[in-house]
C-alpha atoms as a PDB file:
ATOM      1  CA  MET A   1      -0.092   0.159   0.078  1.00  0.00           C
ATOM      2  CA  ASN A   2       2.954   2.384   0.744  1.00  0.00           C
ATOM      3  CA  LYS A   3       4.921   1.524  -2.226  1.00  0.00           C
ATOM      4  CA  ILE A   4       1.231   2.820  -4.362  1.00  0.00           C
ATOM      5  CA  LYS A   5       1.269   5.999  -2.570  1.00  0.00           C
ATOM      6  CA  PHE A   6       4.960   6.470  -2.926  1.00  0.00           C
ATOM      7  CA  VAL A   7       4.562   5.977  -6.936  1.00  0.00           C
ATOM      8  CA  LEU A   8       1.573   7.898  -7.142  1.00  0.00           C
ATOM      9  CA  LEU A   9       3.191  10.378  -5.413  1.00  0.00           C
ATOM     10  CA  ALA A  10       6.435  10.565  -7.419  1.00  0.00           C
ATOM     11  CA  ILE A  11       4.537  10.712 -10.655  1.00  0.00           C
ATOM     12  CA  SER A  12       2.163  13.472  -9.543  1.00  0.00           C
ATOM     13  CA  PHE A  13       4.401  16.047  -7.957  1.00  0.00           C
ATOM     14  CA  PRO A  14       6.194  16.679 -11.445  1.00  0.00           C
ATOM     15  CA  MET A  15       3.356  16.767 -13.146  1.00  0.00           C
ATOM     16  CA  LEU A  16       1.859  19.318 -10.643  1.00  0.00           C
ATOM     17  CA  SER A  17       5.264  21.662 -10.254  1.00  0.00           C
ATOM     18  CA  CYS A  18       5.091  21.815 -14.289  1.00  0.00           C
ATOM     19  CA  CYS A  19       1.546  23.209 -14.034  1.00  0.00           C
ATOM     20  CA  ALA A  20       2.804  26.956 -13.347  1.00  0.00           C
ATOM     21  CA  CYS A  21       5.277  27.045 -16.421  1.00  0.00           C
ATOM     22  CA  THR A  22       4.068  28.930 -19.305  1.00  0.00           C
ATOM     23  CA  GLU A  23       5.570  30.075 -22.559  1.00  0.00           C
ATOM     24  CA  GLU A  24       4.481  33.127 -22.310  1.00  0.00           C
ATOM     25  CA  GLU A  25       7.173  36.269 -22.614  1.00  0.00           C
ATOM     26  CA  PRO A  26       7.113  38.343 -19.513  1.00  0.00           C
ATOM     27  CA  ARG A  27       5.474  41.889 -19.797  1.00  0.00           C
ATOM     28  CA  LYS A  28       8.154  44.703 -20.497  1.00  0.00           C
ATOM     29  CA  PRO A  29       7.884  47.508 -18.249  1.00  0.00           C
ATOM     30  CA  ALA A  30       5.962  50.947 -19.615  1.00  0.00           C
ATOM     31  CA  GLU A  31       8.602  52.810 -21.623  1.00  0.00           C
ATOM     32  CA  GLN A  32       9.201  56.168 -19.523  1.00  0.00           C
ATOM     33  CA  PRO A  33       8.710  59.503 -21.319  1.00  0.00           C
ATOM     34  CA  GLU A  34      11.761  60.931 -22.442  1.00  0.00           C
ATOM     35  CA  THR A  35      10.988  64.332 -20.484  1.00  0.00           C
ATOM     36  CA  PRO A  36       9.749  64.058 -16.966  1.00  0.00           C
ATOM     37  CA  VAL A  37       6.321  65.114 -16.492  1.00  0.00           C
ATOM     38  CA  GLU A  38       5.877  67.648 -13.642  1.00  0.00           C
ATOM     39  CA  LYS A  39       3.542  66.726 -11.135  1.00  0.00           C
ATOM     40  CA  PRO A  40       1.320  69.561  -9.831  1.00  0.00           C
ATOM     41  CA  GLU A  41       1.881  69.981  -5.968  1.00  0.00           C
ATOM     42  CA  THR A  42      -0.747  68.831  -4.073  1.00  0.00           C
ATOM     43  CA  GLN A  43      -2.112  71.077  -1.368  1.00  0.00           C
ATOM     44  CA  PRO A  44      -0.595  68.985   1.703  1.00  0.00           C
ATOM     45  CA  GLU A  45       2.906  68.497  -0.091  1.00  0.00           C
ATOM     46  CA  ALA A  46       2.825  72.900  -0.474  1.00  0.00           C
ATOM     47  CA  MET A  47       1.842  73.289   3.194  1.00  0.00           C
ATOM     48  CA  THR A  48       4.285  71.149   4.406  1.00  0.00           C
ATOM     49  CA  ILE A  49       7.171  73.306   2.752  1.00  0.00           C
ATOM     50  CA  GLN A  50       5.690  76.446   4.106  1.00  0.00           C
ATOM     51  CA  ILE A  51       5.342  75.335   7.795  1.00  0.00           C
ATOM     52  CA  THR A  52       8.841  73.509   8.496  1.00  0.00           C
ATOM     53  CA  SER A  53      11.715  74.937   9.484  1.00  0.00           C
ATOM     54  CA  ALA A  54      15.101  74.104  10.954  1.00  0.00           C
ATOM     55  CA  VAL A  55      15.875  72.960  13.891  1.00  0.00           C
ATOM     56  CA  PRO A  56      17.172  75.068  16.474  1.00  0.00           C
ATOM     57  CA  GLU A  57      20.483  75.010  17.519  1.00  0.00           C
ATOM     58  CA  ALA A  58      19.323  74.940  20.935  1.00  0.00           C
ATOM     59  CA  TYR A  59      17.938  71.616  20.580  1.00  0.00           C
ATOM     60  CA  PHE A  60      21.602  70.034  20.083  1.00  0.00           C
ATOM     61  CA  ARG A  61      23.264  71.382  23.124  1.00  0.00           C
ATOM     62  CA  ALA A  62      23.285  68.944  26.514  1.00  0.00           C
ATOM     63  CA  ALA A  63      20.547  69.911  28.971  1.00  0.00           C
ATOM     64  CA  GLU A  64      21.465  71.398  32.013  1.00  0.00           C
ATOM     65  CA  GLN A  65      18.861  70.027  34.138  1.00  0.00           C
ATOM     66  CA  LYS A  66      19.075  66.141  33.028  1.00  0.00           C
ATOM     67  CA  GLY A  67      16.686  63.407  34.055  1.00  0.00           C
ATOM     68  CA  THR A  68      17.710  59.720  34.702  1.00  0.00           C
ATOM     69  CA  VAL A  69      17.018  56.492  33.196  1.00  0.00           C
ATOM     70  CA  GLU A  70      16.222  53.759  35.348  1.00  0.00           C
ATOM     71  CA  VAL A  71      15.932  49.962  35.026  1.00  0.00           C
ATOM     72  CA  ILE A  72      13.121  47.970  36.685  1.00  0.00           C
ATOM     73  CA  GLU A  73      12.672  44.228  35.970  1.00  0.00           C
ATOM     74  CA  TYR A  74       9.217  42.836  35.695  1.00  0.00           C
ATOM     75  CA  GLU A  75       8.100  38.774  35.679  1.00  0.00           C
ATOM     76  CA  LEU A  76       6.041  37.446  32.858  1.00  0.00           C
ATOM     77  CA  LYS A  77       5.837  34.132  30.892  1.00  0.00           C
ATOM     78  CA  ASP A  78       7.298  32.429  27.925  1.00  0.00           C
ATOM     79  CA  TYR A  79       4.520  32.668  25.874  1.00  0.00           C
ATOM     80  CA  THR A  80       6.279  31.176  22.889  1.00  0.00           C
ATOM     81  CA  GLY A  81       7.655  28.097  24.640  1.00  0.00           C
ATOM     82  CA  SER A  82       7.652  26.403  28.096  1.00  0.00           C
ATOM     83  CA  MET A  83       5.298  29.252  29.893  1.00  0.00           C
ATOM     84  CA  ALA A  84       8.039  29.601  32.390  1.00  0.00           C
ATOM     85  CA  PRO A  85       8.328  32.586  34.422  1.00  0.00           C
ATOM     86  CA  THR A  86      10.488  34.868  32.882  1.00  0.00           C
ATOM     87  CA  THR A  87      11.776  38.411  33.901  1.00  0.00           C
ATOM     88  CA  LYS A  88      12.641  41.003  31.644  1.00  0.00           C
ATOM     89  CA  PRO A  89      13.904  45.055  31.966  1.00  0.00           C
ATOM     90  CA  ALA A  90      12.190  48.132  31.246  1.00  0.00           C
ATOM     91  CA  TYR A  91      14.099  51.233  31.049  1.00  0.00           C
ATOM     92  CA  VAL A  92      12.114  53.948  32.426  1.00  0.00           C
ATOM     93  CA  TYR A  93      13.131  57.955  32.072  1.00  0.00           C
ATOM     94  CA  LEU A  94      12.828  59.854  34.885  1.00  0.00           C
ATOM     95  CA  PRO A  95      12.479  63.713  34.431  1.00  0.00           C
ATOM     96  CA  TYR A  96      14.543  66.008  36.229  1.00  0.00           C
ATOM     97  CA  GLY A  97      13.292  67.019  39.552  1.00  0.00           C
ATOM     98  CA  TYR A  98      10.761  63.609  39.549  1.00  0.00           C
ATOM     99  CA  ASP A  99       9.963  62.787  43.328  1.00  0.00           C
ATOM    100  CA  ILE A 100       8.909  59.366  43.523  1.00  0.00           C
ATOM    101  CA  SER A 101       6.923  60.093  47.194  1.00  0.00           C
ATOM    102  CA  PHE A 102       4.425  61.294  44.896  1.00  0.00           C
END
Protein backbone atom coordinates (compact mmCIF):
# COMPACT_ATOMS: atom_id res chain seq x y z
CA MET A 1 0.00 0.00 0.00
CA ASN A 2 2.83 2.39 0.87
CA LYS A 3 4.57 1.59 -2.43
CA ILE A 4 1.46 2.62 -4.34
CA LYS A 5 1.25 5.93 -2.46
CA PHE A 6 4.93 6.59 -3.10
CA VAL A 7 4.63 5.84 -6.82
CA LEU A 8 1.53 8.05 -7.15
CA LEU A 9 3.30 10.86 -5.31
CA ALA A 10 6.44 10.44 -7.40
CA ILE A 11 4.40 10.67 -10.61
CA SER A 12 2.05 13.49 -9.57
CA PHE A 13 4.68 15.85 -8.08
CA PRO A 14 6.55 16.54 -11.36
CA MET A 15 3.27 16.96 -13.22
CA LEU A 16 1.93 19.44 -10.68
CA SER A 17 5.16 21.41 -10.53
CA CYS A 18 5.09 21.92 -14.31
CA CYS A 19 1.59 23.38 -14.26
CA ALA A 20 2.96 26.80 -13.37
CA CYS A 21 5.29 26.86 -16.36
CA THR A 22 4.23 28.97 -19.27
CA GLU A 23 5.69 29.95 -22.60
CA GLU A 24 4.32 33.47 -22.41
CA GLU A 25 7.03 36.13 -22.54
CA PRO A 26 7.37 38.30 -19.45
CA ARG A 27 5.77 41.70 -19.73
CA LYS A 28 8.04 44.63 -20.37
CA PRO A 29 7.75 47.66 -18.12
CA ALA A 30 6.01 50.67 -19.60
CA GLU A 31 8.38 52.99 -21.38
CA GLN A 32 9.11 56.25 -19.62
CA PRO A 33 8.58 59.48 -21.52
CA GLU A 34 11.76 61.26 -22.60
CA THR A 35 10.98 64.39 -20.60
CA PRO A 36 9.75 64.01 -17.05
CA VAL A 37 6.18 65.04 -16.50
CA GLU A 38 5.83 67.57 -13.72
CA LYS A 39 3.20 66.69 -11.19
CA PRO A 40 1.28 69.58 -9.77
CA GLU A 41 1.91 70.08 -6.07
CA THR A 42 -0.92 68.88 -3.95
CA GLN A 43 -2.15 71.05 -1.13
CA PRO A 44 -0.59 69.01 1.74
CA GLU A 45 2.85 68.98 0.08
CA ALA A 46 2.74 72.74 -0.48
CA MET A 47 1.70 73.35 3.14
CA THR A 48 4.43 71.07 4.50
CA ILE A 49 7.10 73.06 2.73
CA GLN A 50 5.72 76.34 4.07
CA ILE A 51 5.21 75.35 7.73
CA THR A 52 8.43 73.45 8.44
CA SER A 53 11.62 75.08 9.64
CA ALA A 54 15.12 74.08 10.70
CA VAL A 55 15.72 72.53 14.12
CA PRO A 56 17.01 75.22 16.52
CA GLU A 57 20.67 74.91 17.58
CA ALA A 58 19.63 74.92 21.25
CA TYR A 59 18.09 71.47 20.76
CA PHE A 60 21.54 70.02 20.05
CA ARG A 61 23.19 71.39 23.23
CA ALA A 62 23.47 69.23 26.36
CA ALA A 63 20.68 69.83 28.87
CA GLU A 64 21.51 71.64 32.09
CA GLN A 65 18.86 69.79 34.08
CA LYS A 66 19.12 66.16 33.00
CA GLY A 67 16.71 63.43 33.95
CA THR A 68 17.72 59.85 34.64
CA VAL A 69 17.05 56.49 33.05
CA GLU A 70 16.17 53.78 35.56
CA VAL A 71 15.97 50.07 34.90
CA ILE A 72 13.08 48.13 36.36
CA GLU A 73 12.52 44.43 35.95
CA TYR A 74 9.16 42.73 35.59
CA GLU A 75 8.09 39.12 35.55
CA LEU A 76 6.12 37.43 32.81
CA LYS A 77 5.67 34.01 31.26
CA ASP A 78 7.42 32.69 28.16
CA TYR A 79 4.33 32.52 25.94
CA THR A 80 6.30 31.23 22.95
CA GLY A 81 7.54 28.08 24.58
CA SER A 82 7.44 26.39 27.93
CA MET A 83 5.31 28.98 29.78
CA ALA A 84 8.15 29.24 32.30
CA PRO A 85 8.31 32.48 34.31
CA THR A 86 10.97 34.88 33.09
CA THR A 87 12.16 38.40 33.94
CA LYS A 88 12.64 41.26 31.47
CA PRO A 89 14.10 44.76 31.86
CA ALA A 90 12.28 48.00 31.13
CA TYR A 91 14.10 51.32 30.80
CA VAL A 92 12.13 54.24 32.27
CA TYR A 93 13.06 57.90 31.83
CA LEU A 94 12.50 60.01 34.93
CA PRO A 95 12.49 63.77 34.28
CA TYR A 96 14.72 66.17 36.22
CA GLY A 97 13.32 66.80 39.69
CA TYR A 98 11.04 63.74 39.69
CA ASP A 99 10.09 62.82 43.24
CA ILE A 100 9.11 59.20 43.85
CA SER A 101 7.15 60.14 47.00
CA PHE A 102 4.16 61.41 45.00
